[in-house]
Amino acid sequence: MNPHSSTASTEHRRFARYLQALETVAEADEAGLVAAVLRDQDATMADSAVGRHLDRRAADLLTGPWFTAWAQTMTEVIADRSFLALRLREWTLLRTIALGGPWTAEELTGATDWFQRMAATTQIVTSPKALRLLAERGRTRRVRNAASRQLQHRDQPN
């Protein structure tokens, strides 16, 4: 038997348990559970589980009143994990644009491919200014095309 398959199987089970626990955690216990997951010996697996959780929670809370407090709490918990901190900053930028807050062209054009795809392909960002910028200067053809389609769709009468 391959000794690595046993380790991988154990990690897969832990990953699945973490995802389940994070999906059902009470708000009051969320920060503690995220911190506990991030203490796992397999940092890559832990980051992946917490990253999925952040994506789900951020999407759920994005335009609601609880996002800011939640994001501040999570920022403290994930501060030493650069990928997770970046992802949370980009969710916050998506929120800012979705709510009509101030943003800069450099923030959009300098953002990750993930952010640009989210902004261009979802209904989160409706700002014509942001979509035009992504249609013209998005990092990939996929982003530029998606932003162009969003703009065309917006311009068509219902």
N, C-alpha and C. Protein backbone atom coordinates (compact mmCIF):
# COMPACT_ATOMS: atom_id res chain seq x y z
N MET A 1 0.84 -1.18 0.00
CA MET A 1 0.00 0.00 0.00
C MET A 1 0.88 1.24 0.00
N ASN A 2 0.48 2.24 -0.74
CA ASN A 2 1.22 3.48 -0.86
C ASN A 2 1.03 4.30 0.42
N PRO A 3 2.12 4.62 1.13
CA PRO A 3 1.99 5.37 2.39
C PRO A 3 1.44 6.78 2.17
N HIS A 4 1.66 7.33 0.99
CA HIS A 4 1.17 8.68 0.71
C HIS A 4 -0.34 8.72 0.54
N SER A 5 -0.94 7.62 0.07
CA SER A 5 -2.38 7.61 -0.13
C SER A 5 -3.12 7.67 1.20
N SER A 6 -2.56 7.07 2.23
CA SER A 6 -3.17 7.14 3.56
C SER A 6 -3.14 8.57 4.09
N THR A 7 -2.02 9.25 3.91
CA THR A 7 -1.90 10.64 4.34
C THR A 7 -2.87 11.51 3.57
N ALA A 8 -2.94 11.31 2.26
CA ALA A 8 -3.85 12.10 1.43
C ALA A 8 -5.29 11.86 1.83
N SER A 9 -5.64 10.62 2.11
CA SER A 9 -6.99 10.29 2.51
C SER A 9 -7.35 10.97 3.84
N THR A 10 -6.42 10.97 4.77
CA THR A 10 -6.63 11.62 6.06
C THR A 10 -6.83 13.13 5.86
N GLU A 11 -6.01 13.72 5.01
CA GLU A 11 -6.14 15.15 4.74
C GLU A 11 -7.47 15.47 4.06
N HIS A 12 -7.89 14.63 3.14
CA HIS A 12 -9.18 14.84 2.47
C HIS A 12 -10.33 14.79 3.47
N ARG A 13 -10.25 13.83 4.39
CA ARG A 13 -11.31 13.74 5.40
C ARG A 13 -11.31 14.96 6.31
N ARG A 14 -10.12 15.41 6.72
CA ARG A 14 -10.03 16.61 7.57
C ARG A 14 -10.56 17.82 6.81
N PHE A 15 -10.20 17.94 5.55
CA PHE A 15 -10.67 19.05 4.71
C PHE A 15 -12.20 19.06 4.65
N ALA A 16 -12.78 17.90 4.40
CA ALA A 16 -14.24 17.79 4.33
C ALA A 16 -14.88 18.14 5.67
N ARG A 17 -14.28 17.69 6.77
CA ARG A 17 -14.80 18.04 8.10
C ARG A 17 -14.72 19.54 8.35
N TYR A 18 -13.60 20.14 7.95
CA TYR A 18 -13.46 21.59 8.12
C TYR A 18 -14.53 22.34 7.32
N LEU A 19 -14.72 21.93 6.08
CA LEU A 19 -15.74 22.61 5.26
C LEU A 19 -17.11 22.50 5.90
N GLN A 20 -17.45 21.31 6.38
CA GLN A 20 -18.74 21.10 7.03
C GLN A 20 -18.86 21.97 8.28
N ALA A 21 -17.83 21.97 9.10
CA ALA A 21 -17.86 22.76 10.34
C ALA A 21 -17.97 24.26 10.03
N LEU A 22 -17.23 24.72 9.04
CA LEU A 22 -17.27 26.14 8.69
C LEU A 22 -18.63 26.54 8.11
N GLU A 23 -19.27 25.62 7.42
CA GLU A 23 -20.57 25.92 6.83
C GLU A 23 -21.66 26.04 7.89
N THR A 24 -21.49 25.36 9.01
CA THR A 24 -22.55 25.32 10.01
C THR A 24 -22.20 26.07 11.30
N VAL A 25 -21.04 26.72 11.34
CA VAL A 25 -20.60 27.38 12.57
C VAL A 25 -21.51 28.57 12.90
N ALA A 26 -21.75 28.75 14.18
CA ALA A 26 -22.49 29.92 14.65
C ALA A 26 -21.60 31.15 14.47
N GLU A 27 -22.22 32.28 14.18
CA GLU A 27 -21.44 33.51 13.96
C GLU A 27 -20.50 33.81 15.12
N ALA A 28 -20.97 33.61 16.33
CA ALA A 28 -20.16 33.91 17.51
C ALA A 28 -18.91 33.03 17.60
N ASP A 29 -18.94 31.86 16.98
CA ASP A 29 -17.83 30.91 17.04
C ASP A 29 -16.98 30.90 15.77
N GLU A 30 -17.37 31.69 14.78
CA GLU A 30 -16.71 31.63 13.47
C GLU A 30 -15.22 31.98 13.54
N ALA A 31 -14.87 33.08 14.16
CA ALA A 31 -13.46 33.49 14.20
C ALA A 31 -12.60 32.43 14.89
N GLY A 32 -13.09 31.86 15.97
CA GLY A 32 -12.34 30.82 16.67
C GLY A 32 -12.14 29.58 15.82
N LEU A 33 -13.19 29.18 15.09
CA LEU A 33 -13.07 28.01 14.23
C LEU A 33 -12.11 28.28 13.08
N VAL A 34 -12.19 29.44 12.47
CA VAL A 34 -11.26 29.78 11.38
C VAL A 34 -9.83 29.74 11.89
N ALA A 35 -9.60 30.32 13.06
CA ALA A 35 -8.25 30.30 13.65
C ALA A 35 -7.79 28.86 13.91
N ALA A 36 -8.70 28.02 14.40
CA ALA A 36 -8.35 26.62 14.67
C ALA A 36 -7.99 25.89 13.37
N VAL A 37 -8.77 26.10 12.33
CA VAL A 37 -8.47 25.46 11.04
C VAL A 37 -7.10 25.91 10.54
N LEU A 38 -6.81 27.19 10.68
CA LEU A 38 -5.53 27.71 10.19
C LEU A 38 -4.33 27.19 10.99
N ARG A 39 -4.57 26.60 12.13
CA ARG A 39 -3.47 25.98 12.91
C ARG A 39 -3.17 24.56 12.45
N ASP A 40 -3.94 24.04 11.50
CA ASP A 40 -3.70 22.69 11.01
C ASP A 40 -2.27 22.58 10.47
N GLN A 41 -1.67 21.40 10.63
CA GLN A 41 -0.30 21.19 10.17
C GLN A 41 -0.15 21.33 8.66
N ASP A 42 -1.22 21.09 7.91
CA ASP A 42 -1.18 21.23 6.45
C ASP A 42 -1.71 22.62 6.09
N ALA A 43 -0.79 23.57 6.00
CA ALA A 43 -1.18 24.97 5.78
C ALA A 43 -1.92 25.16 4.46
N THR A 44 -1.51 24.45 3.42
CA THR A 44 -2.16 24.60 2.12
C THR A 44 -3.61 24.14 2.19
N MET A 45 -3.85 23.00 2.82
CA MET A 45 -5.21 22.49 2.96
C MET A 45 -6.05 23.43 3.82
N ALA A 46 -5.47 23.91 4.91
CA ALA A 46 -6.18 24.82 5.81
C ALA A 46 -6.55 26.11 5.08
N ASP A 47 -5.60 26.68 4.33
CA ASP A 47 -5.87 27.89 3.56
C ASP A 47 -6.98 27.66 2.55
N SER A 48 -6.98 26.50 1.93
CA SER A 48 -8.01 26.18 0.95
C SER A 48 -9.39 26.11 1.60
N ALA A 49 -9.48 25.45 2.73
CA ALA A 49 -10.77 25.34 3.43
C ALA A 49 -11.25 26.72 3.88
N VAL A 50 -10.37 27.50 4.45
CA VAL A 50 -10.76 28.84 4.91
C VAL A 50 -11.07 29.74 3.72
N GLY A 51 -10.32 29.59 2.64
CA GLY A 51 -10.60 30.38 1.43
C GLY A 51 -12.00 30.11 0.89
N ARG A 52 -12.38 28.86 0.85
CA ARG A 52 -13.75 28.53 0.41
C ARG A 52 -14.78 29.15 1.33
N HIS A 53 -14.50 29.09 2.63
CA HIS A 53 -15.41 29.67 3.61
C HIS A 53 -15.52 31.18 3.41
N LEU A 54 -14.38 31.86 3.25
CA LEU A 54 -14.41 33.31 3.04
C LEU A 54 -15.21 33.67 1.79
N ASP A 55 -15.01 32.91 0.72
CA ASP A 55 -15.75 33.19 -0.52
C ASP A 55 -17.26 33.04 -0.30
N ARG A 56 -17.65 31.98 0.39
CA ARG A 56 -19.08 31.75 0.62
C ARG A 56 -19.68 32.83 1.51
N ARG A 57 -19.01 33.11 2.62
CA ARG A 57 -19.54 34.11 3.57
C ARG A 57 -19.53 35.51 2.97
N ALA A 58 -18.46 35.86 2.28
CA ALA A 58 -18.39 37.19 1.67
C ALA A 58 -19.50 37.37 0.65
N ALA A 59 -19.73 36.37 -0.17
CA ALA A 59 -20.80 36.46 -1.16
C ALA A 59 -22.16 36.61 -0.48
N ASP A 60 -22.37 35.87 0.61
CA ASP A 60 -23.64 35.96 1.34
C ASP A 60 -23.85 37.32 1.99
N LEU A 61 -22.80 37.90 2.51
CA LEU A 61 -22.90 39.15 3.28
C LEU A 61 -22.62 40.40 2.46
N LEU A 62 -22.20 40.25 1.23
CA LEU A 62 -21.56 41.31 0.45
C LEU A 62 -22.23 42.67 0.52
N THR A 63 -23.49 42.78 0.24
CA THR A 63 -24.12 44.10 0.21
C THR A 63 -24.94 44.38 1.46
N GLY A 64 -24.86 43.51 2.43
CA GLY A 64 -25.62 43.69 3.66
C GLY A 64 -24.86 44.48 4.71
N PRO A 65 -25.54 44.81 5.78
CA PRO A 65 -24.94 45.65 6.82
C PRO A 65 -23.88 44.96 7.67
N TRP A 66 -23.82 43.64 7.66
CA TRP A 66 -22.90 42.93 8.54
C TRP A 66 -21.54 42.66 7.91
N PHE A 67 -21.38 42.95 6.62
CA PHE A 67 -20.14 42.62 5.93
C PHE A 67 -18.93 43.29 6.58
N THR A 68 -19.01 44.58 6.85
CA THR A 68 -17.84 45.32 7.32
C THR A 68 -17.32 44.76 8.64
N ALA A 69 -18.20 44.53 9.60
CA ALA A 69 -17.76 43.98 10.90
C ALA A 69 -17.19 42.58 10.71
N TRP A 70 -17.85 41.78 9.87
CA TRP A 70 -17.35 40.42 9.62
C TRP A 70 -15.96 40.48 8.98
N ALA A 71 -15.80 41.34 7.98
CA ALA A 71 -14.51 41.44 7.29
C ALA A 71 -13.40 41.90 8.24
N GLN A 72 -13.71 42.83 9.13
CA GLN A 72 -12.71 43.29 10.10
C GLN A 72 -12.29 42.15 11.02
N THR A 73 -13.26 41.37 11.48
CA THR A 73 -12.95 40.23 12.35
C THR A 73 -12.08 39.22 11.61
N MET A 74 -12.48 38.88 10.38
CA MET A 74 -11.72 37.90 9.61
C MET A 74 -10.33 38.41 9.28
N THR A 75 -10.20 39.70 9.02
CA THR A 75 -8.89 40.28 8.72
C THR A 75 -7.92 40.03 9.87
N GLU A 76 -8.39 40.18 11.09
CA GLU A 76 -7.54 39.92 12.25
C GLU A 76 -7.13 38.46 12.33
N VAL A 77 -8.06 37.56 12.02
CA VAL A 77 -7.79 36.12 12.14
C VAL A 77 -6.82 35.64 11.05
N ILE A 78 -6.94 36.19 9.85
CA ILE A 78 -6.15 35.70 8.71
C ILE A 78 -4.98 36.61 8.37
N ALA A 79 -4.66 37.55 9.22
CA ALA A 79 -3.66 38.59 8.92
C ALA A 79 -2.33 38.02 8.42
N ASP A 80 -1.90 36.87 8.92
CA ASP A 80 -0.59 36.34 8.53
C ASP A 80 -0.67 35.40 7.32
N ARG A 81 -1.82 35.32 6.68
CA ARG A 81 -1.99 34.47 5.49
C ARG A 81 -2.23 35.38 4.29
N SER A 82 -1.17 35.63 3.53
CA SER A 82 -1.23 36.65 2.47
C SER A 82 -2.30 36.38 1.43
N PHE A 83 -2.47 35.14 0.99
CA PHE A 83 -3.48 34.84 -0.02
C PHE A 83 -4.88 35.15 0.52
N LEU A 84 -5.17 34.69 1.72
CA LEU A 84 -6.49 34.91 2.30
C LEU A 84 -6.75 36.39 2.55
N ALA A 85 -5.74 37.10 3.02
CA ALA A 85 -5.88 38.54 3.26
C ALA A 85 -6.16 39.28 1.95
N LEU A 86 -5.46 38.90 0.88
CA LEU A 86 -5.70 39.51 -0.42
C LEU A 86 -7.12 39.21 -0.90
N ARG A 87 -7.55 37.97 -0.76
CA ARG A 87 -8.90 37.61 -1.21
C ARG A 87 -9.95 38.43 -0.47
N LEU A 88 -9.77 38.61 0.83
CA LEU A 88 -10.73 39.38 1.60
C LEU A 88 -10.71 40.86 1.19
N ARG A 89 -9.52 41.40 0.92
CA ARG A 89 -9.43 42.79 0.44
C ARG A 89 -10.17 42.93 -0.89
N GLU A 90 -10.06 41.92 -1.75
CA GLU A 90 -10.73 42.01 -3.04
C GLU A 90 -12.25 41.87 -2.90
N TRP A 91 -12.71 41.05 -1.97
CA TRP A 91 -14.16 41.00 -1.70
C TRP A 91 -14.63 42.38 -1.22
N THR A 92 -13.81 43.02 -0.40
CA THR A 92 -14.17 44.35 0.10
C THR A 92 -14.22 45.36 -1.05
N LEU A 93 -13.31 45.25 -2.00
CA LEU A 93 -13.34 46.12 -3.18
C LEU A 93 -14.59 45.85 -4.02
N LEU A 94 -14.94 44.57 -4.19
CA LEU A 94 -16.19 44.26 -4.91
C LEU A 94 -17.38 44.91 -4.21
N ARG A 95 -17.41 44.84 -2.90
CA ARG A 95 -18.49 45.46 -2.13
C ARG A 95 -18.52 46.97 -2.38
N THR A 96 -17.36 47.59 -2.31
CA THR A 96 -17.27 49.03 -2.50
C THR A 96 -17.86 49.43 -3.86
N ILE A 97 -17.47 48.71 -4.89
CA ILE A 97 -17.97 49.03 -6.24
C ILE A 97 -19.46 48.75 -6.33
N ALA A 98 -19.90 47.61 -5.78
CA ALA A 98 -21.32 47.24 -5.84
C ALA A 98 -22.20 48.28 -5.15
N LEU A 99 -21.68 48.89 -4.09
CA LEU A 99 -22.46 49.87 -3.33
C LEU A 99 -22.23 51.30 -3.80
N GLY A 100 -21.45 51.46 -4.87
CA GLY A 100 -21.22 52.80 -5.41
C GLY A 100 -20.22 53.63 -4.64
N GLY A 101 -19.36 52.98 -3.88
CA GLY A 101 -18.33 53.68 -3.12
C GLY A 101 -17.15 54.06 -3.99
N PRO A 102 -16.19 54.79 -3.42
CA PRO A 102 -15.03 55.23 -4.21
C PRO A 102 -14.02 54.11 -4.45
N TRP A 103 -13.50 54.08 -5.65
CA TRP A 103 -12.47 53.13 -6.03
C TRP A 103 -11.62 53.80 -7.11
N THR A 104 -10.45 53.21 -7.39
CA THR A 104 -9.57 53.79 -8.40
C THR A 104 -9.36 52.80 -9.55
N ALA A 105 -9.00 53.34 -10.69
CA ALA A 105 -8.70 52.50 -11.85
C ALA A 105 -7.56 51.54 -11.53
N GLU A 106 -6.58 52.01 -10.76
CA GLU A 106 -5.43 51.17 -10.42
C GLU A 106 -5.86 49.97 -9.58
N GLU A 107 -6.85 50.16 -8.71
CA GLU A 107 -7.32 49.03 -7.91
C GLU A 107 -7.91 47.95 -8.82
N LEU A 108 -8.67 48.35 -9.82
CA LEU A 108 -9.29 47.36 -10.72
C LEU A 108 -8.27 46.72 -11.65
N THR A 109 -7.44 47.53 -12.27
CA THR A 109 -6.50 46.98 -13.24
C THR A 109 -5.36 46.23 -12.56
N GLY A 110 -5.08 46.55 -11.30
CA GLY A 110 -4.02 45.86 -10.57
C GLY A 110 -4.50 44.65 -9.78
N ALA A 111 -5.81 44.42 -9.80
CA ALA A 111 -6.38 43.30 -9.04
C ALA A 111 -6.07 41.97 -9.72
N THR A 112 -6.29 40.90 -8.97
CA THR A 112 -6.02 39.56 -9.48
C THR A 112 -6.96 39.18 -10.61
N ASP A 113 -6.60 38.15 -11.33
CA ASP A 113 -7.49 37.61 -12.37
C ASP A 113 -8.82 37.19 -11.76
N TRP A 114 -8.78 36.58 -10.57
CA TRP A 114 -10.01 36.16 -9.91
C TRP A 114 -10.94 37.35 -9.72
N PHE A 115 -10.41 38.44 -9.17
CA PHE A 115 -11.23 39.62 -8.94
C PHE A 115 -11.82 40.14 -10.25
N GLN A 116 -10.98 40.27 -11.25
CA GLN A 116 -11.46 40.82 -12.52
C GLN A 116 -12.54 39.93 -13.13
N ARG A 117 -12.39 38.61 -13.03
CA ARG A 117 -13.43 37.69 -13.53
C ARG A 117 -14.72 37.88 -12.74
N MET A 118 -14.62 37.95 -11.42
CA MET A 118 -15.81 38.15 -10.59
C MET A 118 -16.51 39.45 -10.95
N ALA A 119 -15.76 40.50 -11.10
CA ALA A 119 -16.33 41.80 -11.41
C ALA A 119 -16.99 41.82 -12.79
N ALA A 120 -16.40 41.09 -13.73
CA ALA A 120 -16.89 41.14 -15.11
C ALA A 120 -17.98 40.11 -15.41
N THR A 121 -18.04 39.03 -14.65
CA THR A 121 -18.95 37.94 -15.02
C THR A 121 -20.15 37.78 -14.09
N THR A 122 -20.16 38.45 -12.98
CA THR A 122 -21.29 38.32 -12.06
C THR A 122 -22.14 39.58 -12.10
N GLN A 123 -23.25 39.54 -11.45
CA GLN A 123 -24.12 40.71 -11.37
C GLN A 123 -23.75 41.59 -10.17
N ILE A 124 -22.65 41.31 -9.53
CA ILE A 124 -22.23 42.09 -8.36
C ILE A 124 -21.88 43.51 -8.76
N VAL A 125 -21.06 43.64 -9.80
CA VAL A 125 -20.62 44.95 -10.25
C VAL A 125 -21.54 45.42 -11.38
N THR A 126 -22.22 46.52 -11.12
CA THR A 126 -23.11 47.08 -12.15
C THR A 126 -22.64 48.46 -12.60
N SER A 127 -21.56 48.93 -12.05
CA SER A 127 -21.02 50.24 -12.39
C SER A 127 -20.55 50.26 -13.84
N PRO A 128 -21.19 51.07 -14.69
CA PRO A 128 -20.74 51.15 -16.08
C PRO A 128 -19.28 51.59 -16.18
N LYS A 129 -18.86 52.48 -15.28
CA LYS A 129 -17.46 52.95 -15.29
C LYS A 129 -16.51 51.78 -15.04
N ALA A 130 -16.80 50.95 -14.06
CA ALA A 130 -15.94 49.80 -13.75
C ALA A 130 -15.96 48.79 -14.89
N LEU A 131 -17.14 48.52 -15.42
CA LEU A 131 -17.23 47.56 -16.53
C LEU A 131 -16.52 48.07 -17.77
N ARG A 132 -16.63 49.36 -18.07
CA ARG A 132 -15.91 49.92 -19.22
C ARG A 132 -14.41 49.78 -19.04
N LEU A 133 -13.94 50.06 -17.83
CA LEU A 133 -12.51 49.94 -17.55
C LEU A 133 -12.04 48.50 -17.75
N LEU A 134 -12.82 47.54 -17.25
CA LEU A 134 -12.45 46.14 -17.43
C LEU A 134 -12.57 45.71 -18.89
N ALA A 135 -13.53 46.24 -19.63
CA ALA A 135 -13.68 45.91 -21.05
C ALA A 135 -12.48 46.42 -21.85
N GLU A 136 -11.93 47.53 -21.42
CA GLU A 136 -10.80 48.12 -22.14
C GLU A 136 -9.45 47.62 -21.64
N ARG A 137 -9.32 47.44 -20.32
CA ARG A 137 -8.00 47.18 -19.74
C ARG A 137 -7.95 45.94 -18.85
N GLY A 138 -8.96 45.09 -18.94
CA GLY A 138 -8.92 43.85 -18.17
C GLY A 138 -7.70 43.03 -18.56
N ARG A 139 -7.19 42.28 -17.64
CA ARG A 139 -5.95 41.56 -17.85
C ARG A 139 -6.05 40.47 -18.93
N THR A 140 -7.20 39.81 -19.01
CA THR A 140 -7.33 38.72 -19.98
C THR A 140 -8.44 39.02 -20.99
N ARG A 141 -8.39 38.35 -22.11
CA ARG A 141 -9.44 38.48 -23.13
C ARG A 141 -10.78 38.05 -22.55
N ARG A 142 -10.78 37.02 -21.73
CA ARG A 142 -12.02 36.54 -21.10
C ARG A 142 -12.67 37.66 -20.28
N VAL A 143 -11.89 38.38 -19.50
CA VAL A 143 -12.41 39.48 -18.68
C VAL A 143 -12.91 40.61 -19.57
N ARG A 144 -12.11 40.98 -20.55
CA ARG A 144 -12.51 42.08 -21.45
C ARG A 144 -13.81 41.75 -22.17
N ASN A 145 -13.92 40.52 -22.66
CA ASN A 145 -15.15 40.11 -23.37
C ASN A 145 -16.35 40.06 -22.44
N ALA A 146 -16.16 39.53 -21.24
CA ALA A 146 -17.28 39.43 -20.29
C ALA A 146 -17.76 40.82 -19.88
N ALA A 147 -16.83 41.73 -19.64
CA ALA A 147 -17.22 43.09 -19.27
C ALA A 147 -17.95 43.77 -20.42
N SER A 148 -17.48 43.55 -21.64
CA SER A 148 -18.16 44.11 -22.82
C SER A 148 -19.58 43.57 -22.93
N ARG A 149 -19.75 42.27 -22.71
CA ARG A 149 -21.10 41.67 -22.76
C ARG A 149 -22.01 42.25 -21.68
N GLN A 150 -21.47 42.44 -20.48
CA GLN A 150 -22.26 43.03 -19.40
C GLN A 150 -22.73 44.43 -19.80
N LEU A 151 -21.84 45.21 -20.40
CA LEU A 151 -22.21 46.56 -20.82
C LEU A 151 -23.28 46.52 -21.91
N GLN A 152 -23.12 45.63 -22.88
CA GLN A 152 -24.10 45.51 -23.95
C GLN A 152 -25.46 45.10 -23.38
N HIS A 153 -25.46 44.16 -22.47
CA HIS A 153 -26.69 43.68 -21.85
C HIS A 153 -27.39 44.81 -21.09
N ARG A 154 -26.60 45.63 -20.40
CA ARG A 154 -27.16 46.75 -19.63
C ARG A 154 -27.80 47.78 -20.56
N ASP A 155 -27.21 47.96 -21.75
CA ASP A 155 -27.69 48.98 -22.68
C ASP A 155 -28.93 48.55 -23.45
N GLN A 156 -29.25 47.26 -23.43
CA GLN A 156 -30.41 46.79 -24.18
C GLN A 156 -31.68 47.00 -23.37
N PRO A 157 -32.76 47.50 -24.02
CA PRO A 157 -34.02 47.68 -23.30
C PRO A 157 -34.60 46.33 -22.88
N ASN A 158 -35.31 46.34 -21.77
CA ASN A 158 -35.90 45.10 -21.24
C ASN A 158 -37.07 44.65 -22.02
